[in-house]
Amino acid sequence: MAEADAFAKLELELRRGVVVLATLSQLRTPRYGYELRQALAERGMPIEEGTLYPLLRRLETQGVLSSEWKIEEGPPRRYYALNADGLALLEKLTGAWRGMNGAMDRLLDKG
């Protein structure tokens, strides 16, 4: 049981490290929260509401997202999208991720 607990905790740490990049990657076009959660889950990165909405507020406060309320069919929805600073950040983080991913591939390669 201790091994399973240790794995779960370490896996959670890995997910926390990539949730920002995953979220930014899906905000190149405006999305509202539920739509964003669906897009992430469909691509293998499910995220809880209690994690997503505070993250969106933090990223907006940091100046990398813009948001606006839209009233279309149904209830009003707040749409989030990357602004120019957010696009630049996504590009930098993507480069950093690809570099780390390549390094980890080399480190984990048994050859």
PDB file of N, CA and C in Angstrom:
ATOM      1  N   MET A   1       0.829  -1.202   0.000  1.00  0.00           N
ATOM      2  CA  MET A   1       0.000   0.000   0.000  1.00  0.00           C
ATOM      3  C   MET A   1       0.871   1.263   0.000  1.00  0.00           C
ATOM      4  N   ALA A   2       1.983   1.234   0.702  1.00  0.00           N
ATOM      5  CA  ALA A   2       2.868   2.399   0.757  1.00  0.00           C
ATOM      6  C   ALA A   2       3.428   2.730  -0.624  1.00  0.00           C
ATOM      7  N   GLU A   3       3.716   1.698  -1.413  1.00  0.00           N
ATOM      8  CA  GLU A   3       4.241   1.924  -2.763  1.00  0.00           C
ATOM      9  C   GLU A   3       3.198   2.623  -3.634  1.00  0.00           C
ATOM     10  N   ALA A   4       1.946   2.206  -3.519  1.00  0.00           N
ATOM     11  CA  ALA A   4       0.865   2.830  -4.296  1.00  0.00           C
ATOM     12  C   ALA A   4       0.669   4.283  -3.875  1.00  0.00           C
ATOM     13  N   ASP A   5       0.744   4.542  -2.581  1.00  0.00           N
ATOM     14  CA  ASP A   5       0.614   5.923  -2.087  1.00  0.00           C
ATOM     15  C   ASP A   5       1.753   6.796  -2.587  1.00  0.00           C
ATOM     16  N   ALA A   6       2.960   6.266  -2.537  1.00  0.00           N
ATOM     17  CA  ALA A   6       4.125   7.024  -3.009  1.00  0.00           C
ATOM     18  C   ALA A   6       3.990   7.319  -4.496  1.00  0.00           C
ATOM     19  N   PHE A   7       3.565   6.327  -5.282  1.00  0.00           N
ATOM     20  CA  PHE A   7       3.372   6.540  -6.710  1.00  0.00           C
ATOM     21  C   PHE A   7       2.321   7.609  -6.955  1.00  0.00           C
ATOM     22  N   ALA A   8       1.201   7.532  -6.272  1.00  0.00           N
ATOM     23  CA  ALA A   8       0.114   8.496  -6.470  1.00  0.00           C
ATOM     24  C   ALA A   8       0.590   9.918  -6.170  1.00  0.00           C
ATOM     25  N   LYS A   9       1.347  10.082  -5.106  1.00  0.00           N
ATOM     26  CA  LYS A   9       1.846  11.417  -4.750  1.00  0.00           C
ATOM     27  C   LYS A   9       2.837  11.936  -5.788  1.00  0.00           C
ATOM     28  N   LEU A  10       3.724  11.082  -6.239  1.00  0.00           N
ATOM     29  CA  LEU A  10       4.717  11.507  -7.226  1.00  0.00           C
ATOM     30  C   LEU A  10       4.071  11.762  -8.588  1.00  0.00           C
ATOM     31  N   GLU A  11       3.086  10.953  -8.946  1.00  0.00           N
ATOM     32  CA  GLU A  11       2.378  11.192 -10.195  1.00  0.00           C
ATOM     33  C   GLU A  11       1.645  12.528 -10.154  1.00  0.00           C
ATOM     34  N   LEU A  12       1.060  12.861  -9.003  1.00  0.00           N
ATOM     35  CA  LEU A  12       0.380  14.142  -8.837  1.00  0.00           C
ATOM     36  C   LEU A  12       1.364  15.296  -9.013  1.00  0.00           C
ATOM     37  N   GLU A  13       2.568  15.154  -8.484  1.00  0.00           N
ATOM     38  CA  GLU A  13       3.591  16.196  -8.662  1.00  0.00           C
ATOM     39  C   GLU A  13       3.936  16.373 -10.140  1.00  0.00           C
ATOM     40  N   LEU A  14       4.049  15.285 -10.878  1.00  0.00           N
ATOM     41  CA  LEU A  14       4.330  15.376 -12.317  1.00  0.00           C
ATOM     42  C   LEU A  14       3.201  16.105 -13.032  1.00  0.00           C
ATOM     43  N   ARG A  15       1.960  15.767 -12.702  1.00  0.00           N
ATOM     44  CA  ARG A  15       0.804  16.420 -13.336  1.00  0.00           C
ATOM     45  C   ARG A  15       0.770  17.908 -13.019  1.00  0.00           C
ATOM     46  N   ARG A  16       1.054  18.269 -11.788  1.00  0.00           N
ATOM     47  CA  ARG A  16       1.062  19.690 -11.422  1.00  0.00           C
ATOM     48  C   ARG A  16       2.076  20.460 -12.252  1.00  0.00           C
ATOM     49  N   GLY A  17       3.156  19.809 -12.584  1.00  0.00           N
ATOM     50  CA  GLY A  17       4.196  20.460 -13.360  1.00  0.00           C
ATOM     51  C   GLY A  17       3.811  20.734 -14.803  1.00  0.00           C
ATOM     52  N   VAL A  18       2.823  20.016 -15.322  1.00  0.00           N
ATOM     53  CA  VAL A  18       2.461  20.198 -16.727  1.00  0.00           C
ATOM     54  C   VAL A  18       1.078  20.805 -16.929  1.00  0.00           C
ATOM     55  N   VAL A  19       0.312  20.987 -15.869  1.00  0.00           N
ATOM     56  CA  VAL A  19      -1.071  21.458 -16.024  1.00  0.00           C
ATOM     57  C   VAL A  19      -1.129  22.873 -16.605  1.00  0.00           C
ATOM     58  N   VAL A  20      -0.183  23.727 -16.277  1.00  0.00           N
ATOM     59  CA  VAL A  20      -0.173  25.078 -16.840  1.00  0.00           C
ATOM     60  C   VAL A  20       0.060  25.016 -18.340  1.00  0.00           C
ATOM     61  N   LEU A  21       1.063  24.270 -18.765  1.00  0.00           N
ATOM     62  CA  LEU A  21       1.357  24.148 -20.191  1.00  0.00           C
ATOM     63  C   LEU A  21       0.182  23.514 -20.928  1.00  0.00           C
ATOM     64  N   ALA A  22      -0.405  22.488 -20.357  1.00  0.00           N
ATOM     65  CA  ALA A  22      -1.555  21.834 -20.988  1.00  0.00           C
ATOM     66  C   ALA A  22      -2.705  22.826 -21.158  1.00  0.00           C
ATOM     67  N   THR A  23      -2.973  23.604 -20.124  1.00  0.00           N
ATOM     68  CA  THR A  23      -4.065  24.580 -20.168  1.00  0.00           C
ATOM     69  C   THR A  23      -3.785  25.653 -21.212  1.00  0.00           C
ATOM     70  N   LEU A  24      -2.595  26.213 -21.194  1.00  0.00           N
ATOM     71  CA  LEU A  24      -2.244  27.248 -22.173  1.00  0.00           C
ATOM     72  C   LEU A  24      -2.363  26.714 -23.598  1.00  0.00           C
ATOM     73  N   SER A  25      -1.992  25.464 -23.796  1.00  0.00           N
ATOM     74  CA  SER A  25      -2.008  24.891 -25.148  1.00  0.00           C
ATOM     75  C   SER A  25      -3.412  24.837 -25.739  1.00  0.00           C
ATOM     76  N   GLN A  26      -4.421  24.826 -24.892  1.00  0.00           N
ATOM     77  CA  GLN A  26      -5.798  24.723 -25.375  1.00  0.00           C
ATOM     78  C   GLN A  26      -6.511  26.071 -25.420  1.00  0.00           C
ATOM     79  N   LEU A  27      -5.787  27.146 -25.149  1.00  0.00           N
ATOM     80  CA  LEU A  27      -6.403  28.478 -25.143  1.00  0.00           C
ATOM     81  C   LEU A  27      -5.898  29.366 -26.273  1.00  0.00           C
ATOM     82  N   ARG A  28      -5.448  28.764 -27.340  1.00  0.00           N
ATOM     83  CA  ARG A  28      -5.087  29.552 -28.522  1.00  0.00           C
ATOM     84  C   ARG A  28      -6.334  30.194 -29.113  1.00  0.00           C
ATOM     85  N   THR A  29      -7.460  29.528 -28.938  1.00  0.00           N
ATOM     86  CA  THR A  29      -8.763  30.082 -29.316  1.00  0.00           C
ATOM     87  C   THR A  29      -9.596  30.183 -28.047  1.00  0.00           C
ATOM     88  N   PRO A  30     -10.515  31.130 -27.975  1.00  0.00           N
ATOM     89  CA  PRO A  30     -11.304  31.314 -26.757  1.00  0.00           C
ATOM     90  C   PRO A  30     -12.132  30.080 -26.397  1.00  0.00           C
ATOM     91  N   ARG A  31     -12.118  29.750 -25.116  1.00  0.00           N
ATOM     92  CA  ARG A  31     -12.910  28.635 -24.586  1.00  0.00           C
ATOM     93  C   ARG A  31     -13.452  29.024 -23.218  1.00  0.00           C
ATOM     94  N   TYR A  32     -14.626  28.519 -22.900  1.00  0.00           N
ATOM     95  CA  TYR A  32     -15.133  28.688 -21.543  1.00  0.00           C
ATOM     96  C   TYR A  32     -14.710  27.467 -20.729  1.00  0.00           C
ATOM     97  N   GLY A  33     -14.831  27.570 -19.418  1.00  0.00           N
ATOM     98  CA  GLY A  33     -14.261  26.572 -18.519  1.00  0.00           C
ATOM     99  C   GLY A  33     -14.630  25.137 -18.812  1.00  0.00           C
ATOM    100  N   TYR A  34     -15.918  24.845 -18.950  1.00  0.00           N
ATOM    101  CA  TYR A  34     -16.340  23.468 -19.179  1.00  0.00           C
ATOM    102  C   TYR A  34     -15.792  22.946 -20.507  1.00  0.00           C
ATOM    103  N   GLU A  35     -15.836  23.789 -21.522  1.00  0.00           N
ATOM    104  CA  GLU A  35     -15.305  23.419 -22.838  1.00  0.00           C
ATOM    105  C   GLU A  35     -13.807  23.125 -22.745  1.00  0.00           C
ATOM    106  N   LEU A  36     -13.096  23.927 -21.972  1.00  0.00           N
ATOM    107  CA  LEU A  36     -11.659  23.726 -21.769  1.00  0.00           C
ATOM    108  C   LEU A  36     -11.403  22.407 -21.047  1.00  0.00           C
ATOM    109  N   ARG A  37     -12.182  22.131 -20.002  1.00  0.00           N
ATOM    110  CA  ARG A  37     -12.030  20.862 -19.280  1.00  0.00           C
ATOM    111  C   ARG A  37     -12.243  19.679 -20.215  1.00  0.00           C
ATOM    112  N   GLN A  38     -13.250  19.761 -21.079  1.00  0.00           N
ATOM    113  CA  GLN A  38     -13.518  18.685 -22.032  1.00  0.00           C
ATOM    114  C   GLN A  38     -12.343  18.500 -22.995  1.00  0.00           C
ATOM    115  N   ALA A  39     -11.826  19.607 -23.525  1.00  0.00           N
ATOM    116  CA  ALA A  39     -10.704  19.533 -24.467  1.00  0.00           C
ATOM    117  C   ALA A  39      -9.489  18.884 -23.811  1.00  0.00           C
ATOM    118  N   LEU A  40      -9.210  19.257 -22.583  1.00  0.00           N
ATOM    119  CA  LEU A  40      -8.078  18.666 -21.870  1.00  0.00           C
ATOM    120  C   LEU A  40      -8.306  17.184 -21.616  1.00  0.00           C
ATOM    121  N   ALA A  41      -9.496  16.824 -21.162  1.00  0.00           N
ATOM    122  CA  ALA A  41      -9.799  15.420 -20.867  1.00  0.00           C
ATOM    123  C   ALA A  41      -9.732  14.564 -22.129  1.00  0.00           C
ATOM    124  N   GLU A  42     -10.247  15.078 -23.233  1.00  0.00           N
ATOM    125  CA  GLU A  42     -10.221  14.329 -24.500  1.00  0.00           C
ATOM    126  C   GLU A  42      -8.799  14.054 -24.963  1.00  0.00           C
ATOM    127  N   ARG A  43      -7.867  14.893 -24.547  1.00  0.00           N
ATOM    128  CA  ARG A  43      -6.473  14.734 -24.956  1.00  0.00           C
ATOM    129  C   ARG A  43      -5.625  14.083 -23.864  1.00  0.00           C
ATOM    130  N   GLY A  44      -6.284  13.503 -22.859  1.00  0.00           N
ATOM    131  CA  GLY A  44      -5.580  12.729 -21.838  1.00  0.00           C
ATOM    132  C   GLY A  44      -5.150  13.487 -20.606  1.00  0.00           C
ATOM    133  N   MET A  45      -5.662  14.709 -20.410  1.00  0.00           N
ATOM    134  CA  MET A  45      -5.273  15.500 -19.254  1.00  0.00           C
ATOM    135  C   MET A  45      -6.529  15.980 -18.515  1.00  0.00           C
ATOM    136  N   PRO A  46      -7.226  15.066 -17.843  1.00  0.00           N
ATOM    137  CA  PRO A  46      -8.399  15.510 -17.090  1.00  0.00           C
ATOM    138  C   PRO A  46      -7.976  16.432 -15.950  1.00  0.00           C
ATOM    139  N   ILE A  47      -8.818  17.425 -15.665  1.00  0.00           N
ATOM    140  CA  ILE A  47      -8.512  18.395 -14.617  1.00  0.00           C
ATOM    141  C   ILE A  47      -9.799  18.744 -13.887  1.00  0.00           C
ATOM    142  N   GLU A  48      -9.719  18.815 -12.588  1.00  0.00           N
ATOM    143  CA  GLU A  48     -10.892  19.109 -11.766  1.00  0.00           C
ATOM    144  C   GLU A  48     -11.218  20.597 -11.824  1.00  0.00           C
ATOM    145  N   GLU A  49     -12.496  20.923 -11.655  1.00  0.00           N
ATOM    146  CA  GLU A  49     -12.926  22.326 -11.627  1.00  0.00           C
ATOM    147  C   GLU A  49     -12.177  23.101 -10.557  1.00  0.00           C
ATOM    148  N   GLY A  50     -11.989  22.474  -9.404  1.00  0.00           N
ATOM    149  CA  GLY A  50     -11.319  23.130  -8.280  1.00  0.00           C
ATOM    150  C   GLY A  50      -9.859  23.449  -8.554  1.00  0.00           C
ATOM    151  N   THR A  51      -9.298  22.853  -9.567  1.00  0.00           N
ATOM    152  CA  THR A  51      -7.935  23.154 -10.000  1.00  0.00           C
ATOM    153  C   THR A  51      -7.959  24.146 -11.156  1.00  0.00           C
ATOM    154  N   LEU A  52      -8.868  23.934 -12.094  1.00  0.00           N
ATOM    155  CA  LEU A  52      -8.884  24.732 -13.319  1.00  0.00           C
ATOM    156  C   LEU A  52      -9.234  26.194 -13.086  1.00  0.00           C
ATOM    157  N   TYR A  53     -10.323  26.460 -12.390  1.00  0.00           N
ATOM    158  CA  TYR A  53     -10.767  27.849 -12.276  1.00  0.00           C
ATOM    159  C   TYR A  53      -9.798  28.736 -11.489  1.00  0.00           C
ATOM    160  N   PRO A  54      -9.236  28.263 -10.389  1.00  0.00           N
ATOM    161  CA  PRO A  54      -8.189  29.088  -9.743  1.00  0.00           C
ATOM    162  C   PRO A  54      -6.977  29.309 -10.651  1.00  0.00           C
ATOM    163  N   LEU A  55      -6.622  28.287 -11.449  1.00  0.00           N
ATOM    164  CA  LEU A  55      -5.509  28.431 -12.387  1.00  0.00           C
ATOM    165  C   LEU A  55      -5.818  29.496 -13.427  1.00  0.00           C
ATOM    166  N   LEU A  56      -7.029  29.479 -13.978  1.00  0.00           N
ATOM    167  CA  LEU A  56      -7.411  30.481 -14.971  1.00  0.00           C
ATOM    168  C   LEU A  56      -7.368  31.887 -14.379  1.00  0.00           C
ATOM    169  N   ARG A  57      -7.868  32.043 -13.171  1.00  0.00           N
ATOM    170  CA  ARG A  57      -7.833  33.367 -12.524  1.00  0.00           C
ATOM    171  C   ARG A  57      -6.390  33.820 -12.292  1.00  0.00           C
ATOM    172  N   ARG A  58      -5.539  32.885 -11.856  1.00  0.00           N
ATOM    173  CA  ARG A  58      -4.135  33.229 -11.615  1.00  0.00           C
ATOM    174  C   ARG A  58      -3.436  33.638 -12.907  1.00  0.00           C
ATOM    175  N   LEU A  59      -3.669  32.892 -13.987  1.00  0.00           N
ATOM    176  CA  LEU A  59      -3.039  33.219 -15.262  1.00  0.00           C
ATOM    177  C   LEU A  59      -3.545  34.553 -15.808  1.00  0.00           C
ATOM    178  N   GLU A  60      -4.808  34.854 -15.573  1.00  0.00           N
ATOM    179  CA  GLU A  60      -5.330  36.150 -16.007  1.00  0.00           C
ATOM    180  C   GLU A  60      -4.703  37.276 -15.181  1.00  0.00           C
ATOM    181  N   THR A  61      -4.574  37.066 -13.890  1.00  0.00           N
ATOM    182  CA  THR A  61      -3.935  38.059 -13.015  1.00  0.00           C
ATOM    183  C   THR A  61      -2.475  38.280 -13.409  1.00  0.00           C
ATOM    184  N   GLN A  62      -1.814  37.224 -13.856  1.00  0.00           N
ATOM    185  CA  GLN A  62      -0.416  37.314 -14.289  1.00  0.00           C
ATOM    186  C   GLN A  62      -0.277  37.967 -15.660  1.00  0.00           C
ATOM    187  N   GLY A  63      -1.398  38.218 -16.320  1.00  0.00           N
ATOM    188  CA  GLY A  63      -1.363  38.956 -17.574  1.00  0.00           C
ATOM    189  C   GLY A  63      -1.143  38.137 -18.827  1.00  0.00           C
ATOM    190  N   VAL A  64      -1.389  36.816 -18.770  1.00  0.00           N
ATOM    191  CA  VAL A  64      -1.182  35.993 -19.958  1.00  0.00           C
ATOM    192  C   VAL A  64      -2.488  35.524 -20.602  1.00  0.00           C
ATOM    193  N   LEU A  65      -3.606  35.762 -19.927  1.00  0.00           N
ATOM    194  CA  LEU A  65      -4.921  35.436 -20.468  1.00  0.00           C
ATOM    195  C   LEU A  65      -5.786  36.673 -20.472  1.00  0.00           C
ATOM    196  N   SER A  66      -6.707  36.713 -21.405  1.00  0.00           N
ATOM    197  CA  SER A  66      -7.767  37.710 -21.361  1.00  0.00           C
ATOM    198  C   SER A  66      -9.069  36.924 -21.260  1.00  0.00           C
ATOM    199  N   SER A  67     -10.091  37.559 -20.739  1.00  0.00           N
ATOM    200  CA  SER A  67     -11.374  36.878 -20.635  1.00  0.00           C
ATOM    201  C   SER A  67     -12.490  37.861 -20.924  1.00  0.00           C
ATOM    202  N   GLU A  68     -13.615  37.325 -21.345  1.00  0.00           N
ATOM    203  CA  GLU A  68     -14.795  38.142 -21.559  1.00  0.00           C
ATOM    204  C   GLU A  68     -16.031  37.282 -21.385  1.00  0.00           C
ATOM    205  N   TRP A  69     -17.066  37.919 -20.872  1.00  0.00           N
ATOM    206  CA  TRP A  69     -18.356  37.260 -20.727  1.00  0.00           C
ATOM    207  C   TRP A  69     -19.095  37.347 -22.042  1.00  0.00           C
ATOM    208  N   LYS A  70     -19.698  36.223 -22.443  1.00  0.00           N
ATOM    209  CA  LYS A  70     -20.517  36.192 -23.656  1.00  0.00           C
ATOM    210  C   LYS A  70     -21.872  35.618 -23.307  1.00  0.00           C
ATOM    211  N   ILE A  71     -22.889  36.254 -23.849  1.00  0.00           N
ATOM    212  CA  ILE A  71     -24.246  35.755 -23.681  1.00  0.00           C
ATOM    213  C   ILE A  71     -24.717  35.294 -25.042  1.00  0.00           C
ATOM    214  N   GLU A  72     -24.817  33.991 -25.182  1.00  0.00           N
ATOM    215  CA  GLU A  72     -25.291  33.403 -26.428  1.00  0.00           C
ATOM    216  C   GLU A  72     -26.507  32.578 -26.047  1.00  0.00           C
ATOM    217  N   GLU A  73     -26.653  31.418 -26.582  1.00  0.00           N
ATOM    218  CA  GLU A  73     -27.721  30.531 -26.140  1.00  0.00           C
ATOM    219  C   GLU A  73     -27.350  29.984 -24.765  1.00  0.00           C
ATOM    220  N   GLY A  74     -28.304  29.956 -23.867  1.00  0.00           N
ATOM    221  CA  GLY A  74     -28.034  29.424 -22.543  1.00  0.00           C
ATOM    222  C   GLY A  74     -27.482  30.489 -21.613  1.00  0.00           C
ATOM    223  N   PRO A  75     -26.849  30.043 -20.538  1.00  0.00           N
ATOM    224  CA  PRO A  75     -26.346  30.980 -19.529  1.00  0.00           C
ATOM    225  C   PRO A  75     -25.133  31.767 -20.023  1.00  0.00           C
ATOM    226  N   PRO A  76     -24.862  32.920 -19.404  1.00  0.00           N
ATOM    227  CA  PRO A  76     -23.634  33.662 -19.752  1.00  0.00           C
ATOM    228  C   PRO A  76     -22.406  32.794 -19.450  1.00  0.00           C
ATOM    229  N   ARG A  77     -21.400  32.908 -20.291  1.00  0.00           N
ATOM    230  CA  ARG A  77     -20.171  32.128 -20.099  1.00  0.00           C
ATOM    231  C   ARG A  77     -18.977  33.043 -20.213  1.00  0.00           C
ATOM    232  N   ARG A  78     -17.992  32.765 -19.374  1.00  0.00           N
ATOM    233  CA  ARG A  78     -16.749  33.524 -19.418  1.00  0.00           C
ATOM    234  C   ARG A  78     -15.754  32.769 -20.295  1.00  0.00           C
ATOM    235  N   TYR A  79     -15.329  33.406 -21.362  1.00  0.00           N
ATOM    236  CA  TYR A  79     -14.386  32.808 -22.291  1.00  0.00           C
ATOM    237  C   TYR A  79     -12.985  33.319 -21.986  1.00  0.00           C
ATOM    238  N   TYR A  80     -12.030  32.398 -22.001  1.00  0.00           N
ATOM    239  CA  TYR A  80     -10.625  32.717 -21.757  1.00  0.00           C
ATOM    240  C   TYR A  80      -9.834  32.444 -23.027  1.00  0.00           C
ATOM    241  N   ALA A  81      -8.819  33.267 -23.272  1.00  0.00           N
ATOM    242  CA  ALA A  81      -7.933  33.060 -24.421  1.00  0.00           C
ATOM    243  C   ALA A  81      -6.569  33.648 -24.103  1.00  0.00           C
ATOM    244  N   LEU A  82      -5.566  33.117 -24.770  1.00  0.00           N
ATOM    245  CA  LEU A  82      -4.221  33.676 -24.643  1.00  0.00           C
ATOM    246  C   LEU A  82      -4.193  35.063 -25.262  1.00  0.00           C
ATOM    247  N   ASN A  83      -3.507  35.992 -24.606  1.00  0.00           N
ATOM    248  CA  ASN A  83      -3.230  37.282 -25.228  1.00  0.00           C
ATOM    249  C   ASN A  83      -1.811  37.190 -25.815  1.00  0.00           C
ATOM    250  N   ALA A  84      -1.271  38.300 -26.280  1.00  0.00           N
ATOM    251  CA  ALA A  84       0.063  38.272 -26.903  1.00  0.00           C
ATOM    252  C   ALA A  84       1.127  37.752 -25.939  1.00  0.00           C
ATOM    253  N   ASP A  85       1.071  38.190 -24.673  1.00  0.00           N
ATOM    254  CA  ASP A  85       2.038  37.694 -23.684  1.00  0.00           C
ATOM    255  C   ASP A  85       1.848  36.195 -23.442  1.00  0.00           C
ATOM    256  N   GLY A  86       0.601  35.749 -23.447  1.00  0.00           N
ATOM    257  CA  GLY A  86       0.315  34.337 -23.258  1.00  0.00           C
ATOM    258  C   GLY A  86       0.828  33.483 -24.406  1.00  0.00           C
ATOM    259  N   LEU A  87       0.683  33.979 -25.628  1.00  0.00           N
ATOM    260  CA  LEU A  87       1.219  33.248 -26.783  1.00  0.00           C
ATOM    261  C   LEU A  87       2.735  33.135 -26.701  1.00  0.00           C
ATOM    262  N   ALA A  88       3.391  34.216 -26.292  1.00  0.00           N
ATOM    263  CA  ALA A  88       4.854  34.187 -26.145  1.00  0.00           C
ATOM    264  C   ALA A  88       5.261  33.207 -25.043  1.00  0.00           C
ATOM    265  N   LEU A  89       4.518  33.219 -23.940  1.00  0.00           N
ATOM    266  CA  LEU A  89       4.806  32.291 -22.841  1.00  0.00           C
ATOM    267  C   LEU A  89       4.605  30.850 -23.288  1.00  0.00           C
ATOM    268  N   LEU A  90       3.527  30.578 -24.009  1.00  0.00           N
ATOM    269  CA  LEU A  90       3.277  29.227 -24.503  1.00  0.00           C
ATOM    270  C   LEU A  90       4.432  28.761 -25.384  1.00  0.00           C
ATOM    271  N   GLU A  91       4.914  29.632 -26.244  1.00  0.00           N
ATOM    272  CA  GLU A  91       6.028  29.265 -27.118  1.00  0.00           C
ATOM    273  C   GLU A  91       7.281  28.929 -26.303  1.00  0.00           C
ATOM    274  N   LYS A  92       7.586  29.754 -25.306  1.00  0.00           N
ATOM    275  CA  LYS A  92       8.768  29.504 -24.468  1.00  0.00           C
ATOM    276  C   LYS A  92       8.627  28.222 -23.657  1.00  0.00           C
ATOM    277  N   LEU A  93       7.457  28.037 -23.045  1.00  0.00           N
ATOM    278  CA  LEU A  93       7.240  26.834 -22.244  1.00  0.00           C
ATOM    279  C   LEU A  93       7.242  25.577 -23.110  1.00  0.00           C
ATOM    280  N   THR A  94       6.718  25.680 -24.323  1.00  0.00           N
ATOM    281  CA  THR A  94       6.735  24.536 -25.237  1.00  0.00           C
ATOM    282  C   THR A  94       8.172  24.151 -25.571  1.00  0.00           C
ATOM    283  N   GLY A  95       9.013  25.146 -25.845  1.00  0.00           N
ATOM    284  CA  GLY A  95      10.423  24.863 -26.105  1.00  0.00           C
ATOM    285  C   GLY A  95      11.105  24.224 -24.911  1.00  0.00           C
ATOM    286  N   ALA A  96      10.821  24.749 -23.719  1.00  0.00           N
ATOM    287  CA  ALA A  96      11.409  24.184 -22.498  1.00  0.00           C
ATOM    288  C   ALA A  96      10.930  22.748 -22.299  1.00  0.00           C
ATOM    289  N   TRP A  97       9.631  22.503 -22.510  1.00  0.00           N
ATOM    290  CA  TRP A  97       9.073  21.165 -22.357  1.00  0.00           C
ATOM    291  C   TRP A  97       9.737  20.187 -23.331  1.00  0.00           C
ATOM    292  N   ARG A  98       9.861  20.598 -24.577  1.00  0.00           N
ATOM    293  CA  ARG A  98      10.458  19.702 -25.573  1.00  0.00           C
ATOM    294  C   ARG A  98      11.912  19.389 -25.234  1.00  0.00           C
ATOM    295  N   GLY A  99      12.621  20.376 -24.726  1.00  0.00           N
ATOM    296  CA  GLY A  99      13.994  20.134 -24.305  1.00  0.00           C
ATOM    297  C   GLY A  99      14.072  19.164 -23.135  1.00  0.00           C
ATOM    298  N   MET A 100      13.223  19.369 -22.140  1.00  0.00           N
ATOM    299  CA  MET A 100      13.210  18.464 -20.974  1.00  0.00           C
ATOM    300  C   MET A 100      12.754  17.068 -21.375  1.00  0.00           C
ATOM    301  N   ASN A 101      11.760  17.009 -22.263  1.00  0.00           N
ATOM    302  CA  ASN A 101      11.248  15.721 -22.707  1.00  0.00           C
ATOM    303  C   ASN A 101      12.342  14.939 -23.427  1.00  0.00           C
ATOM    304  N   GLY A 102      13.095  15.630 -24.279  1.00  0.00           N
ATOM    305  CA  GLY A 102      14.208  14.972 -24.966  1.00  0.00           C
ATOM    306  C   GLY A 102      15.279  14.494 -23.977  1.00  0.00           C
ATOM    307  N   ALA A 103      15.583  15.335 -23.003  1.00  0.00           N
ATOM    308  CA  ALA A 103      16.579  14.935 -21.994  1.00  0.00           C
ATOM    309  C   ALA A 103      16.101  13.728 -21.203  1.00  0.00           C
ATOM    310  N   MET A 104      14.817  13.717 -20.847  1.00  0.00           N
ATOM    311  CA  MET A 104      14.285  12.570 -20.093  1.00  0.00           C
ATOM    312  C   MET A 104      14.282  11.311 -20.936  1.00  0.00           C
ATOM    313  N   ASP A 105      13.985  11.451 -22.225  1.00  0.00           N
ATOM    314  CA  ASP A 105      14.056  10.280 -23.113  1.00  0.00           C
ATOM    315  C   ASP A 105      15.468   9.696 -23.109  1.00  0.00           C
ATOM    316  N   ARG A 106      16.471  10.562 -23.176  1.00  0.00           N
ATOM    317  CA  ARG A 106      17.863  10.091 -23.180  1.00  0.00           C
ATOM    318  C   ARG A 106      18.218   9.467 -21.823  1.00  0.00           C
ATOM    319  N   LEU A 107      17.753  10.063 -20.734  1.00  0.00           N
ATOM    320  CA  LEU A 107      18.052   9.549 -19.401  1.00  0.00           C
ATOM    321  C   LEU A 107      17.367   8.204 -19.147  1.00  0.00           C
ATOM    322  N   LEU A 108      16.155   8.058 -19.636  1.00  0.00           N
ATOM    323  CA  LEU A 108      15.396   6.847 -19.372  1.00  0.00           C
ATOM    324  C   LEU A 108      15.670   5.740 -20.363  1.00  0.00           C
ATOM    325  N   ASP A 109      16.346   6.056 -21.458  1.00  0.00           N
ATOM    326  CA  ASP A 109      16.656   5.048 -22.473  1.00  0.00           C
ATOM    327  C   ASP A 109      17.585   4.002 -21.872  1.00  0.00           C
ATOM    328  N   LYS A 110      17.217   2.762 -22.022  1.00  0.00           N
ATOM    329  CA  LYS A 110      18.015   1.674 -21.442  1.00  0.00           C
ATOM    330  C   LYS A 110      19.227   1.314 -22.300  1.00  0.00           C
ATOM    331  N   GLY A 111      19.294   1.913 -23.493  1.00  0.00           N
ATOM    332  CA  GLY A 111      20.378   1.578 -24.427  1.00  0.00           C
ATOM    333  C   GLY A 111      21.612   2.229 -24.163  1.00  0.00           C
TER     334      GLY A 111
END
